Amino acid sequence: MVLGRRYRVGRSVVYSAGVMRVGYVQMRPRFGEVGANLRRVRELIGSERADLWVLPELFNTGYVFTSHDEVRALAEVVPAGDTTHELITMAGELGAHLVAGLAEREGDQIYNAAVAVGPGGMLALYRKVHLFSEEKRWFTPGDTPFPVVPVAGARVGVMICFDHYFPESARTLALQGAEIIAHPSNLVMPGIAQRTMVVRAMENRVFTVTANRVGLEERGGRALRFTGLSQIVAPTGELLARSPEETEEVRVIELDPERSHDKHINPWNDVLADRRPAFYAR
């Protein structure tokens, strides 16, 4: 179910009560072709405009690594690396902010990370806390807090892919005042995160934006098919946008971040004020 009155402008679904344009890029990265993947993002966005763009996890490199040397060669120092620099340049050209996933290198450590950037530079770096499957072979578990950054007058939190499986991730962002959660992803379990992120939106009363990738990636005898279905969800759990399973697509909607300030599910219950942390400890 879609909330409120809507109309279409180009590829955008516009909600007449909204005050902020939020979009995602669902794409099919080419493994190891960083420059081509950055160009593809720009091609897909085209003339579309948004205050916030969310890109997939590891959008610039692809996902199916075959060796530590390969991961290290593709990982970049942040913010000095080419990808972060190009994202900041893109933010300036678009007059927008972007949240995007990439492999980050710091000293001997490699992280599955995401950056939040704007026209003025980098706003935040987040290193994925909950590593999925063979990511544990290639990446060091994240050691940064879940960040919340200002974007066009709103507060945007960042988490990555498998973080969705742990309700503490989104709750931590909500408790910091996040109104929108940006969720770069490379999802391979059909439909799982698409369901859990609806719950994360409902239980925290925030907007969630999941940017997934599409396509089959086969390397070193291993193949993964990514599930698409990128989506934007309202604080009530209503689906505001969802893309197909297999095709690249850009979607933009207008929304009012202040809707996330109402944490009530009825006149008596507030999803944050009713918490009783004293009883949650083991």
C-alpha atoms as a PDB file:
ATOM      1  CA  MET A   1       0.000   0.000   0.000  1.00  0.00           C
ATOM      2  CA  VAL A   2       1.278   3.459  -0.920  1.00  0.00           C
ATOM      3  CA  LEU A   3       0.735   6.365   1.400  1.00  0.00           C
ATOM      4  CA  GLY A   4      -1.030   9.543   0.357  1.00  0.00           C
ATOM      5  CA  ARG A   5      -1.687  11.213  -2.975  1.00  0.00           C
ATOM      6  CA  ARG A   6       1.017  10.700  -5.591  1.00  0.00           C
ATOM      7  CA  TYR A   7       1.869  11.661  -9.125  1.00  0.00           C
ATOM      8  CA  ARG A   8       4.696  10.720 -11.486  1.00  0.00           C
ATOM      9  CA  VAL A   9       7.378  13.033 -12.850  1.00  0.00           C
ATOM     10  CA  GLY A  10       9.706  11.158 -15.198  1.00  0.00           C
ATOM     11  CA  ARG A  11      10.974   8.164 -13.233  1.00  0.00           C
ATOM     12  CA  SER A  12      10.067   9.761  -9.908  1.00  0.00           C
ATOM     13  CA  VAL A  13       7.074   9.044  -7.729  1.00  0.00           C
ATOM     14  CA  VAL A  14       6.260  12.331  -5.989  1.00  0.00           C
ATOM     15  CA  TYR A  15       4.217  12.542  -2.795  1.00  0.00           C
ATOM     16  CA  SER A  16       2.417  15.839  -2.624  1.00  0.00           C
ATOM     17  CA  ALA A  17       2.874  16.274   1.138  1.00  0.00           C
ATOM     18  CA  GLY A  18       6.648  15.700   1.021  1.00  0.00           C
ATOM     19  CA  VAL A  19       9.450  18.177   1.547  1.00  0.00           C
ATOM     20  CA  MET A  20      12.614  16.176   0.745  1.00  0.00           C
ATOM     21  CA  ARG A  21      13.595  14.166  -2.336  1.00  0.00           C
ATOM     22  CA  VAL A  22      15.160  10.805  -1.531  1.00  0.00           C
ATOM     23  CA  GLY A  23      16.337   8.254  -4.075  1.00  0.00           C
ATOM     24  CA  TYR A  24      18.287   5.070  -4.608  1.00  0.00           C
ATOM     25  CA  VAL A  25      20.316   3.571  -7.433  1.00  0.00           C
ATOM     26  CA  GLN A  26      19.770  -0.125  -8.151  1.00  0.00           C
ATOM     27  CA  MET A  27      22.615  -1.217 -10.425  1.00  0.00           C
ATOM     28  CA  ARG A  28      24.690  -4.117 -11.738  1.00  0.00           C
ATOM     29  CA  PRO A  29      28.355  -3.387 -10.923  1.00  0.00           C
ATOM     30  CA  ARG A  30      31.141  -4.815 -13.070  1.00  0.00           C
ATOM     31  CA  PHE A  31      33.636  -6.592 -10.866  1.00  0.00           C
ATOM     32  CA  GLY A  32      36.863  -4.636 -10.411  1.00  0.00           C
ATOM     33  CA  GLU A  33      35.905  -1.848 -12.837  1.00  0.00           C
ATOM     34  CA  VAL A  34      35.778   1.058 -10.411  1.00  0.00           C
ATOM     35  CA  GLY A  35      35.779   3.835 -12.986  1.00  0.00           C
ATOM     36  CA  ALA A  36      33.075   2.159 -15.090  1.00  0.00           C
ATOM     37  CA  ASN A  37      30.881   1.631 -12.025  1.00  0.00           C
ATOM     38  CA  LEU A  38      31.171   5.276 -11.018  1.00  0.00           C
ATOM     39  CA  ARG A  39      30.256   6.336 -14.535  1.00  0.00           C
ATOM     40  CA  ARG A  40      27.297   3.952 -14.514  1.00  0.00           C
ATOM     41  CA  VAL A  41      25.937   5.582 -11.356  1.00  0.00           C
ATOM     42  CA  ARG A  42      26.093   8.965 -13.063  1.00  0.00           C
ATOM     43  CA  GLU A  43      24.424   7.578 -16.196  1.00  0.00           C
ATOM     44  CA  LEU A  44      21.597   6.014 -14.220  1.00  0.00           C
ATOM     45  CA  ILE A  45      20.937   9.180 -12.225  1.00  0.00           C
ATOM     46  CA  GLY A  46      20.967  11.232 -15.416  1.00  0.00           C
ATOM     47  CA  SER A  47      18.863  14.349 -15.007  1.00  0.00           C
ATOM     48  CA  GLU A  48      17.036  13.000 -11.950  1.00  0.00           C
ATOM     49  CA  ARG A  49      17.358  15.116  -8.819  1.00  0.00           C
ATOM     50  CA  ALA A  50      17.319  14.191  -5.130  1.00  0.00           C
ATOM     51  CA  ASP A  51      18.601  15.606  -1.862  1.00  0.00           C
ATOM     52  CA  LEU A  52      19.822  12.135  -0.851  1.00  0.00           C
ATOM     53  CA  TRP A  53      20.996   9.240  -3.025  1.00  0.00           C
ATOM     54  CA  VAL A  54      21.683   5.774  -1.601  1.00  0.00           C
ATOM     55  CA  LEU A  55      23.933   3.427  -3.611  1.00  0.00           C
ATOM     56  CA  PRO A  56      24.519  -0.316  -3.054  1.00  0.00           C
ATOM     57  CA  GLU A  57      27.127  -1.956  -0.827  1.00  0.00           C
ATOM     58  CA  LEU A  58      30.531  -2.317  -2.568  1.00  0.00           C
ATOM     59  CA  PHE A  59      28.972  -0.583  -5.571  1.00  0.00           C
ATOM     60  CA  ASN A  60      32.334   0.381  -7.051  1.00  0.00           C
ATOM     61  CA  THR A  61      34.119  -2.998  -6.914  1.00  0.00           C
ATOM     62  CA  GLY A  62      31.629  -5.835  -7.031  1.00  0.00           C
ATOM     63  CA  TYR A  63      31.310  -8.450  -4.323  1.00  0.00           C
ATOM     64  CA  VAL A  64      32.683 -11.928  -5.140  1.00  0.00           C
ATOM     65  CA  PHE A  65      36.357 -11.684  -4.197  1.00  0.00           C
ATOM     66  CA  THR A  66      38.768 -14.583  -4.718  1.00  0.00           C
ATOM     67  CA  SER A  67      41.854 -13.601  -2.694  1.00  0.00           C
ATOM     68  CA  HIS A  68      43.133 -11.236  -0.029  1.00  0.00           C
ATOM     69  CA  ASP A  69      45.436  -9.661  -2.601  1.00  0.00           C
ATOM     70  CA  GLU A  70      42.445  -8.885  -4.797  1.00  0.00           C
ATOM     71  CA  VAL A  71      40.526  -7.282  -1.932  1.00  0.00           C
ATOM     72  CA  ARG A  72      43.523  -5.207  -0.920  1.00  0.00           C
ATOM     73  CA  ALA A  73      44.134  -4.051  -4.492  1.00  0.00           C
ATOM     74  CA  LEU A  74      40.532  -2.824  -4.817  1.00  0.00           C
ATOM     75  CA  ALA A  75      40.198  -1.313  -1.334  1.00  0.00           C
ATOM     76  CA  GLU A  76      40.801   2.427  -1.026  1.00  0.00           C
ATOM     77  CA  VAL A  77      41.972   4.804   1.650  1.00  0.00           C
ATOM     78  CA  VAL A  78      39.114   7.052   2.766  1.00  0.00           C
ATOM     79  CA  PRO A  79      38.718   9.926   2.056  1.00  0.00           C
ATOM     80  CA  ALA A  80      41.857  10.109  -0.100  1.00  0.00           C
ATOM     81  CA  GLY A  81      40.835   7.346  -2.529  1.00  0.00           C
ATOM     82  CA  ASP A  82      39.452   7.893  -6.021  1.00  0.00           C
ATOM     83  CA  THR A  83      35.947   6.651  -5.209  1.00  0.00           C
ATOM     84  CA  THR A  84      35.311   9.019  -2.307  1.00  0.00           C
ATOM     85  CA  HIS A  85      36.810  11.875  -4.303  1.00  0.00           C
ATOM     86  CA  GLU A  86      34.544  11.121  -7.276  1.00  0.00           C
ATOM     87  CA  LEU A  87      31.478  10.775  -5.043  1.00  0.00           C
ATOM     88  CA  ILE A  88      32.165  14.204  -3.539  1.00  0.00           C
ATOM     89  CA  THR A  89      32.579  15.630  -7.045  1.00  0.00           C
ATOM     90  CA  MET A  90      29.296  13.985  -8.065  1.00  0.00           C
ATOM     91  CA  ALA A  91      27.595  15.414  -4.974  1.00  0.00           C
ATOM     92  CA  GLY A  92      28.709  18.880  -6.009  1.00  0.00           C
ATOM     93  CA  GLU A  93      27.457  18.423  -9.577  1.00  0.00           C
ATOM     94  CA  LEU A  94      24.113  17.069  -8.406  1.00  0.00           C
ATOM     95  CA  GLY A  95      23.687  19.386  -5.435  1.00  0.00           C
ATOM     96  CA  ALA A  96      23.014  16.265  -3.383  1.00  0.00           C
ATOM     97  CA  HIS A  97      24.312  13.967  -0.678  1.00  0.00           C
ATOM     98  CA  LEU A  98      25.255  10.340  -1.322  1.00  0.00           C
ATOM     99  CA  VAL A  99      25.626   7.264   0.879  1.00  0.00           C
ATOM    100  CA  ALA A 100      27.600   4.510  -0.836  1.00  0.00           C
ATOM    101  CA  GLY A 101      29.344   1.257   0.057  1.00  0.00           C
ATOM    102  CA  LEU A 102      32.994   0.537  -0.746  1.00  0.00           C
ATOM    103  CA  ALA A 103      35.999  -1.477   0.443  1.00  0.00           C
ATOM    104  CA  GLU A 104      38.160   0.674   2.730  1.00  0.00           C
ATOM    105  CA  ARG A 105      41.827   0.147   3.568  1.00  0.00           C
ATOM    106  CA  GLU A 106      43.451   1.481   6.719  1.00  0.00           C
ATOM    107  CA  GLY A 107      46.948   0.163   7.356  1.00  0.00           C
ATOM    108  CA  ASP A 108      46.781  -3.635   7.350  1.00  0.00           C
ATOM    109  CA  GLN A 109      43.015  -3.724   7.844  1.00  0.00           C
ATOM    110  CA  ILE A 110      40.339  -3.916   5.145  1.00  0.00           C
ATOM    111  CA  TYR A 111      36.746  -2.953   5.974  1.00  0.00           C
ATOM    112  CA  ASN A 112      33.412  -3.309   4.234  1.00  0.00           C
ATOM    113  CA  ALA A 113      32.488   0.343   4.634  1.00  0.00           C
ATOM    114  CA  ALA A 114      30.127   3.101   3.590  1.00  0.00           C
ATOM    115  CA  VAL A 115      30.727   6.808   3.203  1.00  0.00           C
ATOM    116  CA  ALA A 116      28.257   9.657   3.483  1.00  0.00           C
ATOM    117  CA  VAL A 117      29.331  12.639   1.385  1.00  0.00           C
ATOM    118  CA  GLY A 118      27.972  15.993   0.312  1.00  0.00           C
ATOM    119  CA  PRO A 119      29.070  18.873  -1.897  1.00  0.00           C
ATOM    120  CA  GLY A 120      31.304  20.107   0.930  1.00  0.00           C
ATOM    121  CA  GLY A 121      33.133  16.806   1.455  1.00  0.00           C
ATOM    122  CA  MET A 122      32.837  13.657   3.521  1.00  0.00           C
ATOM    123  CA  LEU A 123      30.382  13.613   6.422  1.00  0.00           C
ATOM    124  CA  ALA A 124      30.877  10.131   7.861  1.00  0.00           C
ATOM    125  CA  LEU A 125      32.607   6.786   7.467  1.00  0.00           C
ATOM    126  CA  TYR A 126      30.908   3.633   8.733  1.00  0.00           C
ATOM    127  CA  ARG A 127      32.540   0.197   8.859  1.00  0.00           C
ATOM    128  CA  LYS A 128      30.121  -2.720   8.674  1.00  0.00           C
ATOM    129  CA  VAL A 129      29.627  -4.211  12.123  1.00  0.00           C
ATOM    130  CA  HIS A 130      27.876  -7.463  11.128  1.00  0.00           C
ATOM    131  CA  LEU A 131      29.790  -9.297   8.389  1.00  0.00           C
ATOM    132  CA  PHE A 132      27.879 -11.805   6.256  1.00  0.00           C
ATOM    133  CA  SER A 133      29.104 -15.227   5.131  1.00  0.00           C
ATOM    134  CA  GLU A 134      32.478 -15.116   3.306  1.00  0.00           C
ATOM    135  CA  GLU A 135      32.881 -11.428   4.041  1.00  0.00           C
ATOM    136  CA  LYS A 136      34.512 -12.767   7.200  1.00  0.00           C
ATOM    137  CA  ARG A 137      37.345 -14.074   5.003  1.00  0.00           C
ATOM    138  CA  TRP A 138      38.099 -10.707   3.482  1.00  0.00           C
ATOM    139  CA  PHE A 139      37.122  -7.966   5.920  1.00  0.00           C
ATOM    140  CA  THR A 140      37.846  -6.907   9.494  1.00  0.00           C
ATOM    141  CA  PRO A 141      34.678  -6.438  11.598  1.00  0.00           C
ATOM    142  CA  GLY A 142      33.704  -2.782  11.811  1.00  0.00           C
ATOM    143  CA  ASP A 143      34.899  -0.649  14.715  1.00  0.00           C
ATOM    144  CA  THR A 144      33.027   2.615  14.100  1.00  0.00           C
ATOM    145  CA  PRO A 145      29.760   3.703  15.729  1.00  0.00           C
ATOM    146  CA  PHE A 146      26.583   3.776  13.646  1.00  0.00           C
ATOM    147  CA  PRO A 147      26.617   7.369  12.298  1.00  0.00           C
ATOM    148  CA  VAL A 148      23.838   9.918  11.888  1.00  0.00           C
ATOM    149  CA  VAL A 149      24.550  12.881   9.609  1.00  0.00           C
ATOM    150  CA  PRO A 150      22.655  16.044   8.569  1.00  0.00           C
ATOM    151  CA  VAL A 151      21.253  16.010   5.025  1.00  0.00           C
ATOM    152  CA  ALA A 152      19.030  18.802   3.702  1.00  0.00           C
ATOM    153  CA  GLY A 153      17.690  19.538   7.165  1.00  0.00           C
ATOM    154  CA  ALA A 154      17.065  15.868   7.979  1.00  0.00           C
ATOM    155  CA  ARG A 155      19.026  13.372  10.062  1.00  0.00           C
ATOM    156  CA  VAL A 156      20.215  10.331   8.090  1.00  0.00           C
ATOM    157  CA  GLY A 157      21.587   7.168   9.707  1.00  0.00           C
ATOM    158  CA  VAL A 158      23.795   4.615   7.966  1.00  0.00           C
ATOM    159  CA  MET A 159      23.944   0.826   8.190  1.00  0.00           C
ATOM    160  CA  ILE A 160      25.046  -1.810   5.661  1.00  0.00           C
ATOM    161  CA  CYS A 161      23.258  -4.880   4.300  1.00  0.00           C
ATOM    162  CA  PHE A 162      23.380  -7.724   6.913  1.00  0.00           C
ATOM    163  CA  ASP A 163      23.094  -5.150   9.698  1.00  0.00           C
ATOM    164  CA  HIS A 164      19.378  -5.424   8.918  1.00  0.00           C
ATOM    165  CA  TYR A 165      19.276  -8.827  10.636  1.00  0.00           C
ATOM    166  CA  PHE A 166      20.151  -7.233  13.977  1.00  0.00           C
ATOM    167  CA  PRO A 167      17.422  -4.913  15.292  1.00  0.00           C
ATOM    168  CA  GLU A 168      19.972  -3.188  17.495  1.00  0.00           C
ATOM    169  CA  SER A 169      21.492  -1.557  14.387  1.00  0.00           C
ATOM    170  CA  ALA A 170      18.428   0.423  13.359  1.00  0.00           C
ATOM    171  CA  ARG A 171      17.390   1.022  16.973  1.00  0.00           C
ATOM    172  CA  THR A 172      20.787   2.563  17.734  1.00  0.00           C
ATOM    173  CA  LEU A 173      20.315   4.958  14.823  1.00  0.00           C
ATOM    174  CA  ALA A 174      16.755   5.794  15.876  1.00  0.00           C
ATOM    175  CA  LEU A 175      17.869   6.548  19.428  1.00  0.00           C
ATOM    176  CA  GLN A 176      20.370   9.039  17.960  1.00  0.00           C
ATOM    177  CA  GLY A 177      17.517  10.823  16.202  1.00  0.00           C
ATOM    178  CA  ALA A 178      17.786   9.338  12.707  1.00  0.00           C
ATOM    179  CA  GLU A 179      14.736  10.193  10.623  1.00  0.00           C
ATOM    180  CA  ILE A 180      15.876   8.234   7.557  1.00  0.00           C
ATOM    181  CA  ILE A 181      18.060   5.109   7.524  1.00  0.00           C
ATOM    182  CA  ALA A 182      20.253   4.664   4.439  1.00  0.00           C
ATOM    183  CA  HIS A 183      20.913   0.964   3.834  1.00  0.00           C
ATOM    184  CA  PRO A 184      23.466   0.151   1.071  1.00  0.00           C
ATOM    185  CA  SER A 185      23.135  -3.574   0.343  1.00  0.00           C
ATOM    186  CA  ASN A 186      24.226  -6.578  -1.727  1.00  0.00           C
ATOM    187  CA  LEU A 187      21.345  -8.869  -0.829  1.00  0.00           C
ATOM    188  CA  VAL A 188      21.332 -12.532  -1.885  1.00  0.00           C
ATOM    189  CA  MET A 189      18.681 -14.070   0.404  1.00  0.00           C
ATOM    190  CA  PRO A 190      15.450 -13.582  -1.578  1.00  0.00           C
ATOM    191  CA  GLY A 191      13.024 -11.209   0.089  1.00  0.00           C
ATOM    192  CA  ILE A 192      14.488 -11.420   3.615  1.00  0.00           C
ATOM    193  CA  ALA A 193      15.823  -7.881   4.052  1.00  0.00           C
ATOM    194  CA  GLN A 194      12.918  -6.474   2.100  1.00  0.00           C
ATOM    195  CA  ARG A 195      10.707  -7.826   4.895  1.00  0.00           C
ATOM    196  CA  THR A 196      12.947  -7.048   7.849  1.00  0.00           C
ATOM    197  CA  MET A 197      13.480  -3.449   6.726  1.00  0.00           C
ATOM    198  CA  VAL A 198       9.718  -2.934   6.766  1.00  0.00           C
ATOM    199  CA  VAL A 199       9.810  -4.106  10.388  1.00  0.00           C
ATOM    200  CA  ARG A 200      12.811  -1.892  11.179  1.00  0.00           C
ATOM    201  CA  ALA A 201      10.875   1.093   9.834  1.00  0.00           C
ATOM    202  CA  MET A 202       7.780   0.202  11.873  1.00  0.00           C
ATOM    203  CA  GLU A 203       9.491  -0.614  15.153  1.00  0.00           C
ATOM    204  CA  ASN A 204      11.519   2.615  15.072  1.00  0.00           C
ATOM    205  CA  ARG A 205       9.037   4.811  13.202  1.00  0.00           C
ATOM    206  CA  VAL A 206      11.626   5.971  10.665  1.00  0.00           C
ATOM    207  CA  PHE A 207      11.976   5.954   6.876  1.00  0.00           C
ATOM    208  CA  THR A 208      14.286   3.277   5.466  1.00  0.00           C
ATOM    209  CA  VAL A 209      16.012   3.325   2.069  1.00  0.00           C
ATOM    210  CA  THR A 210      17.514   0.023   0.891  1.00  0.00           C
ATOM    211  CA  ALA A 211      19.670   0.246  -2.261  1.00  0.00           C
ATOM    212  CA  ASN A 212      20.392  -3.258  -3.537  1.00  0.00           C
ATOM    213  CA  ARG A 213      22.219  -4.483  -6.621  1.00  0.00           C
ATOM    214  CA  VAL A 214      21.103  -6.907  -9.338  1.00  0.00           C
ATOM    215  CA  GLY A 215      22.737  -9.525 -11.524  1.00  0.00           C
ATOM    216  CA  LEU A 216      24.722 -12.746 -11.311  1.00  0.00           C
ATOM    217  CA  GLU A 217      28.375 -12.534 -10.280  1.00  0.00           C
ATOM    218  CA  GLU A 218      30.494 -15.654 -10.967  1.00  0.00           C
ATOM    219  CA  ARG A 219      34.147 -15.764  -9.985  1.00  0.00           C
ATOM    220  CA  GLY A 220      36.546 -18.473  -8.763  1.00  0.00           C
ATOM    221  CA  GLY A 221      33.929 -21.208  -8.945  1.00  0.00           C
ATOM    222  CA  ARG A 222      31.477 -19.234  -6.800  1.00  0.00           C
ATOM    223  CA  ALA A 223      28.297 -17.608  -8.055  1.00  0.00           C
ATOM    224  CA  LEU A 224      25.897 -15.235  -6.334  1.00  0.00           C
ATOM    225  CA  ARG A 225      22.662 -13.856  -7.695  1.00  0.00           C
ATOM    226  CA  PHE A 226      21.617 -10.527  -6.192  1.00  0.00           C
ATOM    227  CA  THR A 227      17.942  -9.981  -5.524  1.00  0.00           C
ATOM    228  CA  GLY A 228      17.176  -6.360  -6.455  1.00  0.00           C
ATOM    229  CA  LEU A 229      13.871  -5.161  -4.972  1.00  0.00           C
ATOM    230  CA  SER A 230      15.429  -1.953  -3.658  1.00  0.00           C
ATOM    231  CA  GLN A 231      12.837  -0.082  -1.659  1.00  0.00           C
ATOM    232  CA  ILE A 232      11.814   2.913   0.427  1.00  0.00           C
ATOM    233  CA  VAL A 233       9.563   2.322   3.446  1.00  0.00           C
ATOM    234  CA  ALA A 234       7.564   4.812   5.528  1.00  0.00           C
ATOM    235  CA  PRO A 235       7.612   4.941   9.364  1.00  0.00           C
ATOM    236  CA  THR A 236       4.284   3.078   9.390  1.00  0.00           C
ATOM    237  CA  GLY A 237       5.685   0.226   7.286  1.00  0.00           C
ATOM    238  CA  GLU A 238       4.004   1.364   4.087  1.00  0.00           C
ATOM    239  CA  LEU A 239       5.951   0.633   0.924  1.00  0.00           C
ATOM    240  CA  LEU A 240       6.648   3.907  -0.893  1.00  0.00           C
ATOM    241  CA  ALA A 241       8.825   2.547  -3.706  1.00  0.00           C
ATOM    242  CA  ARG A 242      10.174  -0.831  -4.810  1.00  0.00           C
ATOM    243  CA  SER A 243      12.169  -1.809  -7.899  1.00  0.00           C
ATOM    244  CA  PRO A 244      12.120  -5.056  -9.921  1.00  0.00           C
ATOM    245  CA  GLU A 245      14.291  -8.063  -9.079  1.00  0.00           C
ATOM    246  CA  GLU A 246      16.553  -8.059 -12.111  1.00  0.00           C
ATOM    247  CA  THR A 247      16.800  -4.645 -13.773  1.00  0.00           C
ATOM    248  CA  GLU A 248      18.811  -1.537 -13.037  1.00  0.00           C
ATOM    249  CA  GLU A 249      16.628   1.335 -11.915  1.00  0.00           C
ATOM    250  CA  VAL A 250      16.685   4.724 -10.223  1.00  0.00           C
ATOM    251  CA  ARG A 251      13.723   5.726  -8.065  1.00  0.00           C
ATOM    252  CA  VAL A 252      13.056   9.017  -6.269  1.00  0.00           C
ATOM    253  CA  ILE A 253      10.219  10.037  -3.971  1.00  0.00           C
ATOM    254  CA  GLU A 254       9.404  13.098  -1.928  1.00  0.00           C
ATOM    255  CA  LEU A 255       8.855  12.576   1.776  1.00  0.00           C
ATOM    256  CA  ASP A 256       8.526  14.574   4.969  1.00  0.00           C
ATOM    257  CA  PRO A 257      11.242  13.501   7.457  1.00  0.00           C
ATOM    258  CA  GLU A 258       9.235  15.009  10.311  1.00  0.00           C
ATOM    259  CA  ARG A 259       6.807  12.113  10.036  1.00  0.00           C
ATOM    260  CA  SER A 260       9.458  10.076  11.843  1.00  0.00           C
ATOM    261  CA  HIS A 261       9.132  12.324  14.904  1.00  0.00           C
ATOM    262  CA  ASP A 262       5.811  10.727  15.818  1.00  0.00           C
ATOM    263  CA  LYS A 263       6.746   7.555  17.670  1.00  0.00           C
ATOM    264  CA  HIS A 264       3.202   6.739  18.747  1.00  0.00           C
ATOM    265  CA  ILE A 265       1.366   3.648  17.511  1.00  0.00           C
ATOM    266  CA  ASN A 266      -1.734   4.695  19.482  1.00  0.00           C
ATOM    267  CA  PRO A 267      -2.503   7.417  22.081  1.00  0.00           C
ATOM    268  CA  TRP A 268      -0.983   5.250  24.823  1.00  0.00           C
ATOM    269  CA  ASN A 269       2.118   3.722  23.271  1.00  0.00           C
ATOM    270  CA  ASP A 270       5.344   5.327  22.060  1.00  0.00           C
ATOM    271  CA  VAL A 271       7.895   2.908  20.568  1.00  0.00           C
ATOM    272  CA  LEU A 272      10.861   4.711  22.139  1.00  0.00           C
ATOM    273  CA  ALA A 273       9.381   6.218  25.311  1.00  0.00           C
ATOM    274  CA  ASP A 274       7.895   2.839  26.318  1.00  0.00           C
ATOM    275  CA  ARG A 275      11.271   1.112  26.257  1.00  0.00           C
ATOM    276  CA  ARG A 276      12.416  -0.348  29.600  1.00  0.00           C
ATOM    277  CA  PRO A 277      16.165  -0.882  29.172  1.00  0.00           C
ATOM    278  CA  ALA A 278      16.631  -1.954  32.785  1.00  0.00           C
ATOM    279  CA  PHE A 279      14.899  -5.217  31.892  1.00  0.00           C
ATOM    280  CA  TYR A 280      16.834  -5.863  28.685  1.00  0.00           C
ATOM    281  CA  ALA A 281      20.188  -6.708  30.255  1.00  0.00           C
ATOM    282  CA  ARG A 282      21.133 -10.363  30.474  1.00  0.00           C
END
